[in-house]
Amino acid sequence: WSETKAGLNFTSTESSVVFNNIDTIVGHDFFWSVKMDNVVADAGA
């Protein structure tokens, strides 16, 4: 399973992104991952 939420805007130091309605079966051992693309921020971010 994979899903992208595009064009998110963050203004807080502590942020979260929620993905719903996944409905995918995983086994006892599995991996989850995170990726951030098209990041627009100042040089010191």
PDB file of all heavy atoms in Angstrom:
ATOM      1  N   TRP A   1       0.857  -1.194   0.000  1.00  0.00           N
ATOM      2  CA  TRP A   1       0.000   0.000   0.000  1.00  0.00           C
ATOM      3  C   TRP A   1       0.887   1.236   0.000  1.00  0.00           C
ATOM      4  O   TRP A   1       1.949   1.252   0.636  1.00  0.00           O
ATOM      5  CB  TRP A   1      -0.908   0.011   1.220  1.00  0.00           C
ATOM      6  CG  TRP A   1      -1.576   1.333   1.466  1.00  0.00           C
ATOM      7  CD1 TRP A   1      -2.737   1.801   0.912  1.00  0.00           C
ATOM      8  CD2 TRP A   1      -1.094   2.385   2.319  1.00  0.00           C
ATOM      9  NE1 TRP A   1      -3.003   3.072   1.362  1.00  0.00           N
ATOM     10  CE2 TRP A   1      -2.018   3.442   2.220  1.00  0.00           C
ATOM     11  CE3 TRP A   1       0.034   2.523   3.130  1.00  0.00           C
ATOM     12  CZ2 TRP A   1      -1.850   4.638   2.929  1.00  0.00           C
ATOM     13  CZ3 TRP A   1       0.210   3.695   3.832  1.00  0.00           C
ATOM     14  CH2 TRP A   1      -0.737   4.744   3.738  1.00  0.00           C
ATOM     15  N   SER A   2       0.454   2.262  -0.708  1.00  0.00           N
ATOM     16  CA  SER A   2       1.161   3.534  -0.698  1.00  0.00           C
ATOM     17  C   SER A   2       0.171   4.643  -1.021  1.00  0.00           C
ATOM     18  O   SER A   2      -0.727   4.458  -1.848  1.00  0.00           O
ATOM     19  CB  SER A   2       2.299   3.532  -1.729  1.00  0.00           C
ATOM     20  OG  SER A   2       2.946   4.783  -1.754  1.00  0.00           O
ATOM     21  N   GLU A   3       0.336   5.778  -0.365  1.00  0.00           N
ATOM     22  CA  GLU A   3      -0.522   6.929  -0.640  1.00  0.00           C
ATOM     23  C   GLU A   3       0.264   8.210  -0.426  1.00  0.00           C
ATOM     24  O   GLU A   3       1.079   8.306   0.502  1.00  0.00           O
ATOM     25  CB  GLU A   3      -1.755   6.920   0.265  1.00  0.00           C
ATOM     26  CG  GLU A   3      -2.728   8.056  -0.010  1.00  0.00           C
ATOM     27  CD  GLU A   3      -3.972   8.001   0.847  1.00  0.00           C
ATOM     28  OE1 GLU A   3      -4.275   6.931   1.416  1.00  0.00           O
ATOM     29  OE2 GLU A   3      -4.653   9.039   0.951  1.00  0.00           O
ATOM     30  N   THR A   4       0.028   9.179  -1.297  1.00  0.00           N
ATOM     31  CA  THR A   4       0.687  10.481  -1.196  1.00  0.00           C
ATOM     32  C   THR A   4      -0.346  11.562  -0.926  1.00  0.00           C
ATOM     33  O   THR A   4      -1.383  11.615  -1.588  1.00  0.00           O
ATOM     34  CB  THR A   4       1.446  10.818  -2.496  1.00  0.00           C
ATOM     35  OG1 THR A   4       2.439   9.828  -2.729  1.00  0.00           O
ATOM     36  CG2 THR A   4       2.113  12.184  -2.390  1.00  0.00           C
ATOM     37  N   LYS A   5      -0.052  12.422   0.038  1.00  0.00           N
ATOM     38  CA  LYS A   5      -0.848  13.619   0.279  1.00  0.00           C
ATOM     39  C   LYS A   5      -0.010  14.788  -0.205  1.00  0.00           C
ATOM     40  O   LYS A   5       1.038  15.106   0.369  1.00  0.00           O
ATOM     41  CB  LYS A   5      -1.219  13.741   1.754  1.00  0.00           C
ATOM     42  CG  LYS A   5      -2.204  12.664   2.215  1.00  0.00           C
ATOM     43  CD  LYS A   5      -2.651  12.894   3.637  1.00  0.00           C
ATOM     44  CE  LYS A   5      -3.665  11.838   4.080  1.00  0.00           C
ATOM     45  NZ  LYS A   5      -4.961  11.979   3.408  1.00  0.00           N
ATOM     46  N   ALA A   6      -0.454  15.410  -1.292  1.00  0.00           N
ATOM     47  CA  ALA A   6       0.335  16.432  -1.974  1.00  0.00           C
ATOM     48  C   ALA A   6      -0.025  17.841  -1.511  1.00  0.00           C
ATOM     49  O   ALA A   6      -1.158  18.115  -1.099  1.00  0.00           O
ATOM     50  CB  ALA A   6       0.132  16.313  -3.483  1.00  0.00           C
ATOM     51  N   GLY A   7       0.971  18.721  -1.572  1.00  0.00           N
ATOM     52  CA  GLY A   7       0.747  20.135  -1.302  1.00  0.00           C
ATOM     53  C   GLY A   7       0.387  20.467   0.129  1.00  0.00           C
ATOM     54  O   GLY A   7      -0.353  21.421   0.369  1.00  0.00           O
ATOM     55  N   LEU A   8       0.911  19.715   1.089  1.00  0.00           N
ATOM     56  CA  LEU A   8       0.615  20.006   2.492  1.00  0.00           C
ATOM     57  C   LEU A   8       1.413  21.209   2.955  1.00  0.00           C
ATOM     58  O   LEU A   8       2.555  21.422   2.554  1.00  0.00           O
ATOM     59  CB  LEU A   8       0.954  18.794   3.365  1.00  0.00           C
ATOM     60  CG  LEU A   8       0.207  17.489   3.065  1.00  0.00           C
ATOM     61  CD1 LEU A   8       0.626  16.408   4.046  1.00  0.00           C
ATOM     62  CD2 LEU A   8      -1.297  17.697   3.127  1.00  0.00           C
ATOM     63  N   ASN A   9       0.819  21.996   3.838  1.00  0.00           N
ATOM     64  CA  ASN A   9       1.477  23.163   4.406  1.00  0.00           C
ATOM     65  C   ASN A   9       1.627  22.963   5.904  1.00  0.00           C
ATOM     66  O   ASN A   9       0.666  22.649   6.599  1.00  0.00           O
ATOM     67  CB  ASN A   9       0.678  24.435   4.119  1.00  0.00           C
ATOM     68  CG  ASN A   9       1.303  25.660   4.769  1.00  0.00           C
ATOM     69  OD1 ASN A   9       0.846  26.124   5.811  1.00  0.00           O
ATOM     70  ND2 ASN A   9       2.359  26.180   4.159  1.00  0.00           N
ATOM     71  N   PHE A  10       2.862  23.135   6.393  1.00  0.00           N
ATOM     72  CA  PHE A  10       3.149  22.943   7.812  1.00  0.00           C
ATOM     73  C   PHE A  10       3.612  24.258   8.416  1.00  0.00           C
ATOM     74  O   PHE A  10       4.491  24.931   7.884  1.00  0.00           O
ATOM     75  CB  PHE A  10       4.248  21.895   7.994  1.00  0.00           C
ATOM     76  CG  PHE A  10       3.915  20.543   7.431  1.00  0.00           C
ATOM     77  CD1 PHE A  10       4.383  20.166   6.181  1.00  0.00           C
ATOM     78  CD2 PHE A  10       3.126  19.653   8.141  1.00  0.00           C
ATOM     79  CE1 PHE A  10       4.083  18.914   5.660  1.00  0.00           C
ATOM     80  CE2 PHE A  10       2.810  18.405   7.622  1.00  0.00           C
ATOM     81  CZ  PHE A  10       3.291  18.037   6.375  1.00  0.00           C
ATOM     82  N   THR A  11       3.018  24.605   9.566  1.00  0.00           N
ATOM     83  CA  THR A  11       3.408  25.820  10.274  1.00  0.00           C
ATOM     84  C   THR A  11       3.767  25.546  11.726  1.00  0.00           C
ATOM     85  O   THR A  11       4.078  26.466  12.464  1.00  0.00           O
ATOM     86  CB  THR A  11       2.270  26.853  10.238  1.00  0.00           C
ATOM     87  OG1 THR A  11       1.091  26.279  10.827  1.00  0.00           O
ATOM     88  CG2 THR A  11       1.966  27.280   8.816  1.00  0.00           C
ATOM     89  N   SER A  12       3.726  24.285  12.133  1.00  0.00           N
ATOM     90  CA  SER A  12       3.999  23.921  13.524  1.00  0.00           C
ATOM     91  C   SER A  12       5.222  23.024  13.595  1.00  0.00           C
ATOM     92  O   SER A  12       5.489  22.224  12.695  1.00  0.00           O
ATOM     93  CB  SER A  12       2.793  23.195  14.126  1.00  0.00           C
ATOM     94  OG  SER A  12       3.110  22.654  15.394  1.00  0.00           O
ATOM     95  N   THR A  13       5.970  23.137  14.680  1.00  0.00           N
ATOM     96  CA  THR A  13       7.129  22.272  14.887  1.00  0.00           C
ATOM     97  C   THR A  13       6.704  20.816  15.016  1.00  0.00           C
ATOM     98  O   THR A  13       7.356  19.911  14.505  1.00  0.00           O
ATOM     99  CB  THR A  13       7.885  22.699  16.153  1.00  0.00           C
ATOM    100  OG1 THR A  13       8.308  24.049  15.989  1.00  0.00           O
ATOM    101  CG2 THR A  13       9.102  21.812  16.387  1.00  0.00           C
ATOM    102  N   GLU A  14       5.612  20.574  15.714  1.00  0.00           N
ATOM    103  CA  GLU A  14       5.119  19.217  15.930  1.00  0.00           C
ATOM    104  C   GLU A  14       3.939  18.985  14.987  1.00  0.00           C
ATOM    105  O   GLU A  14       2.863  19.523  15.201  1.00  0.00           O
ATOM    106  CB  GLU A  14       4.710  19.023  17.383  1.00  0.00           C
ATOM    107  CG  GLU A  14       5.844  19.300  18.369  1.00  0.00           C
ATOM    108  CD  GLU A  14       5.392  19.192  19.806  1.00  0.00           C
ATOM    109  OE1 GLU A  14       4.491  18.387  20.080  1.00  0.00           O
ATOM    110  OE2 GLU A  14       5.945  19.910  20.648  1.00  0.00           O
ATOM    111  N   SER A  15       4.165  18.179  13.958  1.00  0.00           N
ATOM    112  CA  SER A  15       3.158  17.978  12.929  1.00  0.00           C
ATOM    113  C   SER A  15       2.847  16.500  12.780  1.00  0.00           C
ATOM    114  O   SER A  15       3.643  15.635  13.144  1.00  0.00           O
ATOM    115  CB  SER A  15       3.663  18.519  11.576  1.00  0.00           C
ATOM    116  OG  SER A  15       4.058  19.865  11.686  1.00  0.00           O
ATOM    117  N   SER A  16       1.695  16.192  12.213  1.00  0.00           N
ATOM    118  CA  SER A  16       1.382  14.812  11.871  1.00  0.00           C
ATOM    119  C   SER A  16       0.512  14.795  10.620  1.00  0.00           C
ATOM    120  O   SER A  16      -0.158  15.777  10.306  1.00  0.00           O
ATOM    121  CB  SER A  16       0.680  14.087  13.024  1.00  0.00           C
ATOM    122  OG  SER A  16      -0.647  14.535  13.192  1.00  0.00           O
ATOM    123  N   VAL A  17       0.583  13.677   9.894  1.00  0.00           N
ATOM    124  CA  VAL A  17      -0.209  13.468   8.690  1.00  0.00           C
ATOM    125  C   VAL A  17      -0.927  12.140   8.851  1.00  0.00           C
ATOM    126  O   VAL A  17      -0.303  11.116   9.150  1.00  0.00           O
ATOM    127  CB  VAL A  17       0.668  13.435   7.429  1.00  0.00           C
ATOM    128  CG1 VAL A  17      -0.184  13.200   6.191  1.00  0.00           C
ATOM    129  CG2 VAL A  17       1.459  14.731   7.300  1.00  0.00           C
ATOM    130  N   VAL A  18      -2.257  12.132   8.660  1.00  0.00           N
ATOM    131  CA  VAL A  18      -3.071  10.940   8.878  1.00  0.00           C
ATOM    132  C   VAL A  18      -3.526  10.363   7.535  1.00  0.00           C
ATOM    133  O   VAL A  18      -4.017  11.094   6.671  1.00  0.00           O
ATOM    134  CB  VAL A  18      -4.295  11.257   9.755  1.00  0.00           C
ATOM    135  CG1 VAL A  18      -5.150  10.011   9.953  1.00  0.00           C
ATOM    136  CG2 VAL A  18      -3.852  11.827  11.105  1.00  0.00           C
ATOM    137  N   PHE A  19      -3.357   9.051   7.382  1.00  0.00           N
ATOM    138  CA  PHE A  19      -3.848   8.316   6.215  1.00  0.00           C
ATOM    139  C   PHE A  19      -4.951   7.375   6.696  1.00  0.00           C
ATOM    140  O   PHE A  19      -4.739   6.587   7.619  1.00  0.00           O
ATOM    141  CB  PHE A  19      -2.720   7.520   5.563  1.00  0.00           C
ATOM    142  CG  PHE A  19      -1.614   8.385   5.013  1.00  0.00           C
ATOM    143  CD1 PHE A  19      -0.601   8.854   5.845  1.00  0.00           C
ATOM    144  CD2 PHE A  19      -1.592   8.743   3.682  1.00  0.00           C
ATOM    145  CE1 PHE A  19       0.421   9.658   5.349  1.00  0.00           C
ATOM    146  CE2 PHE A  19      -0.580   9.549   3.174  1.00  0.00           C
ATOM    147  CZ  PHE A  19       0.425  10.007   4.006  1.00  0.00           C
ATOM    148  N   ASN A  20      -6.121   7.442   6.063  1.00  0.00           N
ATOM    149  CA  ASN A  20      -7.287   6.664   6.487  1.00  0.00           C
ATOM    150  C   ASN A  20      -7.697   5.657   5.416  1.00  0.00           C
ATOM    151  O   ASN A  20      -7.263   5.731   4.270  1.00  0.00           O
ATOM    152  CB  ASN A  20      -8.478   7.582   6.770  1.00  0.00           C
ATOM    153  CG  ASN A  20      -8.189   8.609   7.842  1.00  0.00           C
ATOM    154  OD1 ASN A  20      -8.170   9.797   7.565  1.00  0.00           O
ATOM    155  ND2 ASN A  20      -7.959   8.168   9.059  1.00  0.00           N
ATOM    156  N   ASN A  21      -8.570   4.722   5.837  1.00  0.00           N
ATOM    157  CA  ASN A  21      -9.189   3.768   4.914  1.00  0.00           C
ATOM    158  C   ASN A  21      -8.156   2.976   4.105  1.00  0.00           C
ATOM    159  O   ASN A  21      -8.293   2.800   2.893  1.00  0.00           O
ATOM    160  CB  ASN A  21     -10.157   4.488   3.963  1.00  0.00           C
ATOM    161  CG  ASN A  21     -11.216   5.272   4.697  1.00  0.00           C
ATOM    162  OD1 ASN A  21     -11.831   4.773   5.639  1.00  0.00           O
ATOM    163  ND2 ASN A  21     -11.428   6.518   4.292  1.00  0.00           N
ATOM    164  N   ILE A  22      -7.134   2.493   4.793  1.00  0.00           N
ATOM    165  CA  ILE A  22      -6.063   1.755   4.123  1.00  0.00           C
ATOM    166  C   ILE A  22      -6.508   0.332   3.781  1.00  0.00           C
ATOM    167  O   ILE A  22      -6.332  -0.138   2.661  1.00  0.00           O
ATOM    168  CB  ILE A  22      -4.803   1.739   5.005  1.00  0.00           C
ATOM    169  CG1 ILE A  22      -4.299   3.179   5.199  1.00  0.00           C
ATOM    170  CG2 ILE A  22      -3.727   0.873   4.395  1.00  0.00           C
ATOM    171  CD1 ILE A  22      -3.178   3.312   6.209  1.00  0.00           C
ATOM    172  N   ASP A  23      -7.046  -0.391   4.778  1.00  0.00           N
ATOM    173  CA  ASP A  23      -7.607  -1.735   4.578  1.00  0.00           C
ATOM    174  C   ASP A  23      -6.644  -2.668   3.844  1.00  0.00           C
ATOM    175  O   ASP A  23      -6.981  -3.267   2.816  1.00  0.00           O
ATOM    176  CB  ASP A  23      -8.938  -1.660   3.824  1.00  0.00           C
ATOM    177  CG  ASP A  23     -10.010  -0.951   4.634  1.00  0.00           C
ATOM    178  OD1 ASP A  23      -9.973  -1.066   5.879  1.00  0.00           O
ATOM    179  OD2 ASP A  23     -10.852  -0.258   4.045  1.00  0.00           O
ATOM    180  N   THR A  24      -5.438  -2.791   4.371  1.00  0.00           N
ATOM    181  CA  THR A  24      -4.409  -3.648   3.804  1.00  0.00           C
ATOM    182  C   THR A  24      -3.888  -4.605   4.866  1.00  0.00           C
ATOM    183  O   THR A  24      -3.599  -4.194   5.986  1.00  0.00           O
ATOM    184  CB  THR A  24      -3.244  -2.794   3.254  1.00  0.00           C
ATOM    185  OG1 THR A  24      -3.727  -1.991   2.176  1.00  0.00           O
ATOM    186  CG2 THR A  24      -2.107  -3.658   2.752  1.00  0.00           C
ATOM    187  N   ILE A  25      -3.764  -5.869   4.515  1.00  0.00           N
ATOM    188  CA  ILE A  25      -3.321  -6.897   5.460  1.00  0.00           C
ATOM    189  C   ILE A  25      -1.804  -6.945   5.520  1.00  0.00           C
ATOM    190  O   ILE A  25      -1.126  -6.954   4.479  1.00  0.00           O
ATOM    191  CB  ILE A  25      -3.888  -8.271   5.071  1.00  0.00           C
ATOM    192  CG1 ILE A  25      -5.413  -8.258   5.213  1.00  0.00           C
ATOM    193  CG2 ILE A  25      -3.295  -9.379   5.942  1.00  0.00           C
ATOM    194  CD1 ILE A  25      -6.083  -9.525   4.740  1.00  0.00           C
ATOM    195  N   VAL A  26      -1.267  -6.957   6.739  1.00  0.00           N
ATOM    196  CA  VAL A  26       0.168  -7.114   6.972  1.00  0.00           C
ATOM    197  C   VAL A  26       0.388  -8.329   7.861  1.00  0.00           C
ATOM    198  O   VAL A  26      -0.507  -8.746   8.590  1.00  0.00           O
ATOM    199  CB  VAL A  26       0.784  -5.856   7.627  1.00  0.00           C
ATOM    200  CG1 VAL A  26       0.675  -4.653   6.705  1.00  0.00           C
ATOM    201  CG2 VAL A  26       0.118  -5.568   8.978  1.00  0.00           C
ATOM    202  N   GLY A  27       1.585  -8.895   7.801  1.00  0.00           N
ATOM    203  CA  GLY A  27       1.921 -10.034   8.632  1.00  0.00           C
ATOM    204  C   GLY A  27       2.470  -9.627   9.976  1.00  0.00           C
ATOM    205  O   GLY A  27       2.495  -8.433  10.337  1.00  0.00           O
ATOM    206  N   HIS A  28       2.945 -10.602  10.725  1.00  0.00           N
ATOM    207  CA  HIS A  28       3.536 -10.354  12.042  1.00  0.00           C
ATOM    208  C   HIS A  28       4.701  -9.375  11.946  1.00  0.00           C
ATOM    209  O   HIS A  28       4.877  -8.506  12.800  1.00  0.00           O
ATOM    210  CB  HIS A  28       3.997 -11.681  12.647  1.00  0.00           C
ATOM    211  CG  HIS A  28       4.822 -11.537  13.889  1.00  0.00           C
ATOM    212  ND1 HIS A  28       4.286 -11.150  15.089  1.00  0.00           N
ATOM    213  CD2 HIS A  28       6.155 -11.714  14.101  1.00  0.00           C
ATOM    214  CE1 HIS A  28       5.251 -11.104  16.009  1.00  0.00           C
ATOM    215  NE2 HIS A  28       6.385 -11.428  15.432  1.00  0.00           N
ATOM    216  N   ASP A  29       5.520  -9.514  10.900  1.00  0.00           N
ATOM    217  CA  ASP A  29       6.637  -8.614  10.655  1.00  0.00           C
ATOM    218  C   ASP A  29       6.383  -7.837   9.364  1.00  0.00           C
ATOM    219  O   ASP A  29       6.114  -8.430   8.321  1.00  0.00           O
ATOM    220  CB  ASP A  29       7.948  -9.388  10.535  1.00  0.00           C
ATOM    221  CG  ASP A  29       8.306 -10.119  11.818  1.00  0.00           C
ATOM    222  OD1 ASP A  29       8.366  -9.470  12.873  1.00  0.00           O
ATOM    223  OD2 ASP A  29       8.505 -11.343  11.753  1.00  0.00           O
ATOM    224  N   PHE A  30       6.484  -6.517   9.429  1.00  0.00           N
ATOM    225  CA  PHE A  30       6.326  -5.713   8.228  1.00  0.00           C
ATOM    226  C   PHE A  30       7.077  -4.398   8.397  1.00  0.00           C
ATOM    227  O   PHE A  30       7.675  -4.135   9.440  1.00  0.00           O
ATOM    228  CB  PHE A  30       4.842  -5.459   7.913  1.00  0.00           C
ATOM    229  CG  PHE A  30       4.110  -4.591   8.906  1.00  0.00           C
ATOM    230  CD1 PHE A  30       3.960  -3.230   8.686  1.00  0.00           C
ATOM    231  CD2 PHE A  30       3.551  -5.145  10.053  1.00  0.00           C
ATOM    232  CE1 PHE A  30       3.272  -2.431   9.601  1.00  0.00           C
ATOM    233  CE2 PHE A  30       2.864  -4.354  10.964  1.00  0.00           C
ATOM    234  CZ  PHE A  30       2.725  -2.995  10.738  1.00  0.00           C
ATOM    235  N   PHE A  31       7.099  -3.590   7.344  1.00  0.00           N
ATOM    236  CA  PHE A  31       7.731  -2.280   7.376  1.00  0.00           C
ATOM    237  C   PHE A  31       6.719  -1.211   6.984  1.00  0.00           C
ATOM    238  O   PHE A  31       5.859  -1.446   6.146  1.00  0.00           O
ATOM    239  CB  PHE A  31       8.902  -2.204   6.377  1.00  0.00           C
ATOM    240  CG  PHE A  31      10.118  -2.970   6.797  1.00  0.00           C
ATOM    241  CD1 PHE A  31      10.230  -4.322   6.511  1.00  0.00           C
ATOM    242  CD2 PHE A  31      11.158  -2.343   7.455  1.00  0.00           C
ATOM    243  CE1 PHE A  31      11.357  -5.037   6.878  1.00  0.00           C
ATOM    244  CE2 PHE A  31      12.295  -3.050   7.830  1.00  0.00           C
ATOM    245  CZ  PHE A  31      12.396  -4.388   7.542  1.00  0.00           C
ATOM    246  N   TRP A  32       6.847  -0.045   7.589  1.00  0.00           N
ATOM    247  CA  TRP A  32       6.131   1.136   7.131  1.00  0.00           C
ATOM    248  C   TRP A  32       7.198   2.157   6.736  1.00  0.00           C
ATOM    249  O   TRP A  32       8.345   2.089   7.185  1.00  0.00           O
ATOM    250  CB  TRP A  32       5.215   1.700   8.215  1.00  0.00           C
ATOM    251  CG  TRP A  32       5.934   2.265   9.395  1.00  0.00           C
ATOM    252  CD1 TRP A  32       6.372   1.605  10.505  1.00  0.00           C
ATOM    253  CD2 TRP A  32       6.327   3.626   9.573  1.00  0.00           C
ATOM    254  NE1 TRP A  32       7.009   2.465  11.363  1.00  0.00           N
ATOM    255  CE2 TRP A  32       7.008   3.716  10.808  1.00  0.00           C
ATOM    256  CE3 TRP A  32       6.179   4.781   8.803  1.00  0.00           C
ATOM    257  CZ2 TRP A  32       7.521   4.906  11.304  1.00  0.00           C
ATOM    258  CZ3 TRP A  32       6.703   5.976   9.287  1.00  0.00           C
ATOM    259  CH2 TRP A  32       7.361   6.019  10.532  1.00  0.00           C
ATOM    260  N   SER A  33       6.831   3.088   5.881  1.00  0.00           N
ATOM    261  CA  SER A  33       7.830   4.058   5.437  1.00  0.00           C
ATOM    262  C   SER A  33       7.228   5.446   5.312  1.00  0.00           C
ATOM    263  O   SER A  33       6.005   5.619   5.262  1.00  0.00           O
ATOM    264  CB  SER A  33       8.439   3.631   4.100  1.00  0.00           C
ATOM    265  OG  SER A  33       7.502   3.787   3.042  1.00  0.00           O
ATOM    266  N   VAL A  34       8.114   6.442   5.238  1.00  0.00           N
ATOM    267  CA  VAL A  34       7.720   7.839   5.077  1.00  0.00           C
ATOM    268  C   VAL A  34       8.669   8.491   4.076  1.00  0.00           C
ATOM    269  O   VAL A  34       9.868   8.187   4.040  1.00  0.00           O
ATOM    270  CB  VAL A  34       7.735   8.587   6.431  1.00  0.00           C
ATOM    271  CG1 VAL A  34       9.080   8.479   7.116  1.00  0.00           C
ATOM    272  CG2 VAL A  34       7.358  10.060   6.244  1.00  0.00           C
ATOM    273  N   LYS A  35       8.130   9.390   3.251  1.00  0.00           N
ATOM    274  CA  LYS A  35       8.928  10.127   2.277  1.00  0.00           C
ATOM    275  C   LYS A  35       8.336  11.524   2.125  1.00  0.00           C
ATOM    276  O   LYS A  35       7.116  11.677   2.108  1.00  0.00           O
ATOM    277  CB  LYS A  35       8.921   9.399   0.926  1.00  0.00           C
ATOM    278  CG  LYS A  35       9.724  10.085  -0.160  1.00  0.00           C
ATOM    279  CD  LYS A  35       9.832   9.231  -1.417  1.00  0.00           C
ATOM    280  CE  LYS A  35       8.505   9.012  -2.076  1.00  0.00           C
ATOM    281  NZ  LYS A  35       8.637   8.399  -3.428  1.00  0.00           N
ATOM    282  N   MET A  36       9.211  12.529   2.023  1.00  0.00           N
ATOM    283  CA  MET A  36       8.775  13.908   1.809  1.00  0.00           C
ATOM    284  C   MET A  36       9.395  14.418   0.516  1.00  0.00           C
ATOM    285  O   MET A  36      10.620  14.418   0.358  1.00  0.00           O
ATOM    286  CB  MET A  36       9.157  14.787   3.003  1.00  0.00           C
ATOM    287  CG  MET A  36       8.466  14.374   4.298  1.00  0.00           C
ATOM    288  SD  MET A  36       8.959  15.350   5.752  1.00  0.00           S
ATOM    289  CE  MET A  36       8.181  16.935   5.379  1.00  0.00           C
ATOM    290  N   ASP A  37       8.544  14.802  -0.436  1.00  0.00           N
ATOM    291  CA  ASP A  37       8.982  15.296  -1.739  1.00  0.00           C
ATOM    292  C   ASP A  37       8.577  16.756  -1.915  1.00  0.00           C
ATOM    293  O   ASP A  37       7.697  17.257  -1.208  1.00  0.00           O
ATOM    294  CB  ASP A  37       8.326  14.486  -2.869  1.00  0.00           C
ATOM    295  CG  ASP A  37       8.887  13.089  -2.975  1.00  0.00           C
ATOM    296  OD1 ASP A  37      10.082  12.951  -3.288  1.00  0.00           O
ATOM    297  OD2 ASP A  37       8.118  12.132  -2.751  1.00  0.00           O
ATOM    298  N   ASN A  38       9.206  17.399  -2.905  1.00  0.00           N
ATOM    299  CA  ASN A  38       8.831  18.762  -3.297  1.00  0.00           C
ATOM    300  C   ASN A  38       8.765  19.699  -2.096  1.00  0.00           C
ATOM    301  O   ASN A  38       7.813  20.461  -1.922  1.00  0.00           O
ATOM    302  CB  ASN A  38       7.496  18.762  -4.043  1.00  0.00           C
ATOM    303  CG  ASN A  38       7.544  17.904  -5.298  1.00  0.00           C
ATOM    304  OD1 ASN A  38       8.519  17.937  -6.041  1.00  0.00           O
ATOM    305  ND2 ASN A  38       6.494  17.120  -5.518  1.00  0.00           N
ATOM    306  N   VAL A  39       9.793  19.600  -1.249  1.00  0.00           N
ATOM    307  CA  VAL A  39       9.840  20.414  -0.030  1.00  0.00           C
ATOM    308  C   VAL A  39      10.246  21.843  -0.382  1.00  0.00           C
ATOM    309  O   VAL A  39      11.255  22.080  -1.049  1.00  0.00           O
ATOM    310  CB  VAL A  39      10.834  19.822   0.983  1.00  0.00           C
ATOM    311  CG1 VAL A  39      10.885  20.683   2.244  1.00  0.00           C
ATOM    312  CG2 VAL A  39      10.454  18.386   1.322  1.00  0.00           C
ATOM    313  N   VAL A  40       9.425  22.797   0.064  1.00  0.00           N
ATOM    314  CA  VAL A  40       9.714  24.217  -0.146  1.00  0.00           C
ATOM    315  C   VAL A  40       9.818  24.871   1.227  1.00  0.00           C
ATOM    316  O   VAL A  40       8.828  24.979   1.953  1.00  0.00           O
ATOM    317  CB  VAL A  40       8.619  24.901  -0.987  1.00  0.00           C
ATOM    318  CG1 VAL A  40       8.933  26.385  -1.152  1.00  0.00           C
ATOM    319  CG2 VAL A  40       8.489  24.222  -2.341  1.00  0.00           C
ATOM    320  N   ALA A  41      11.029  25.290   1.590  1.00  0.00           N
ATOM    321  CA  ALA A  41      11.256  25.878   2.909  1.00  0.00           C
ATOM    322  C   ALA A  41      12.521  26.718   2.844  1.00  0.00           C
ATOM    323  O   ALA A  41      13.306  26.616   1.896  1.00  0.00           O
ATOM    324  CB  ALA A  41      11.397  24.782   3.960  1.00  0.00           C
ATOM    325  N   ASP A  42      12.741  27.557   3.863  1.00  0.00           N
ATOM    326  CA  ASP A  42      13.956  28.350   3.880  1.00  0.00           C
ATOM    327  C   ASP A  42      15.157  27.467   4.195  1.00  0.00           C
ATOM    328  O   ASP A  42      15.015  26.322   4.640  1.00  0.00           O
ATOM    329  CB  ASP A  42      13.830  29.484   4.904  1.00  0.00           C
ATOM    330  CG  ASP A  42      13.717  28.965   6.318  1.00  0.00           C
ATOM    331  OD1 ASP A  42      14.762  28.785   6.974  1.00  0.00           O
ATOM    332  OD2 ASP A  42      12.581  28.727   6.771  1.00  0.00           O
ATOM    333  N   ALA A  43      16.348  28.006   3.956  1.00  0.00           N
ATOM    334  CA  ALA A  43      17.575  27.217   4.077  1.00  0.00           C
ATOM    335  C   ALA A  43      17.807  26.692   5.488  1.00  0.00           C
ATOM    336  O   ALA A  43      18.463  25.677   5.680  1.00  0.00           O
ATOM    337  CB  ALA A  43      18.771  28.050   3.632  1.00  0.00           C
ATOM    338  N   GLY A  44      17.274  27.358   6.497  1.00  0.00           N
ATOM    339  CA  GLY A  44      17.497  26.930   7.870  1.00  0.00           C
ATOM    340  C   GLY A  44      16.401  26.061   8.439  1.00  0.00           C
ATOM    341  O   GLY A  44      16.375  25.798   9.644  1.00  0.00           O
ATOM    342  N   ALA A  45      15.498  25.583   7.601  1.00  0.00           N
ATOM    343  CA  ALA A  45      14.352  24.814   8.087  1.00  0.00           C
ATOM    344  C   ALA A  45      14.779  23.450   8.610  1.00  0.00           C
ATOM    345  O   ALA A  45      15.767  22.863   8.170  1.00  0.00           O
ATOM    346  CB  ALA A  45      13.336  24.638   6.975  1.00  0.00           C
TER     347      ALA A  45
END
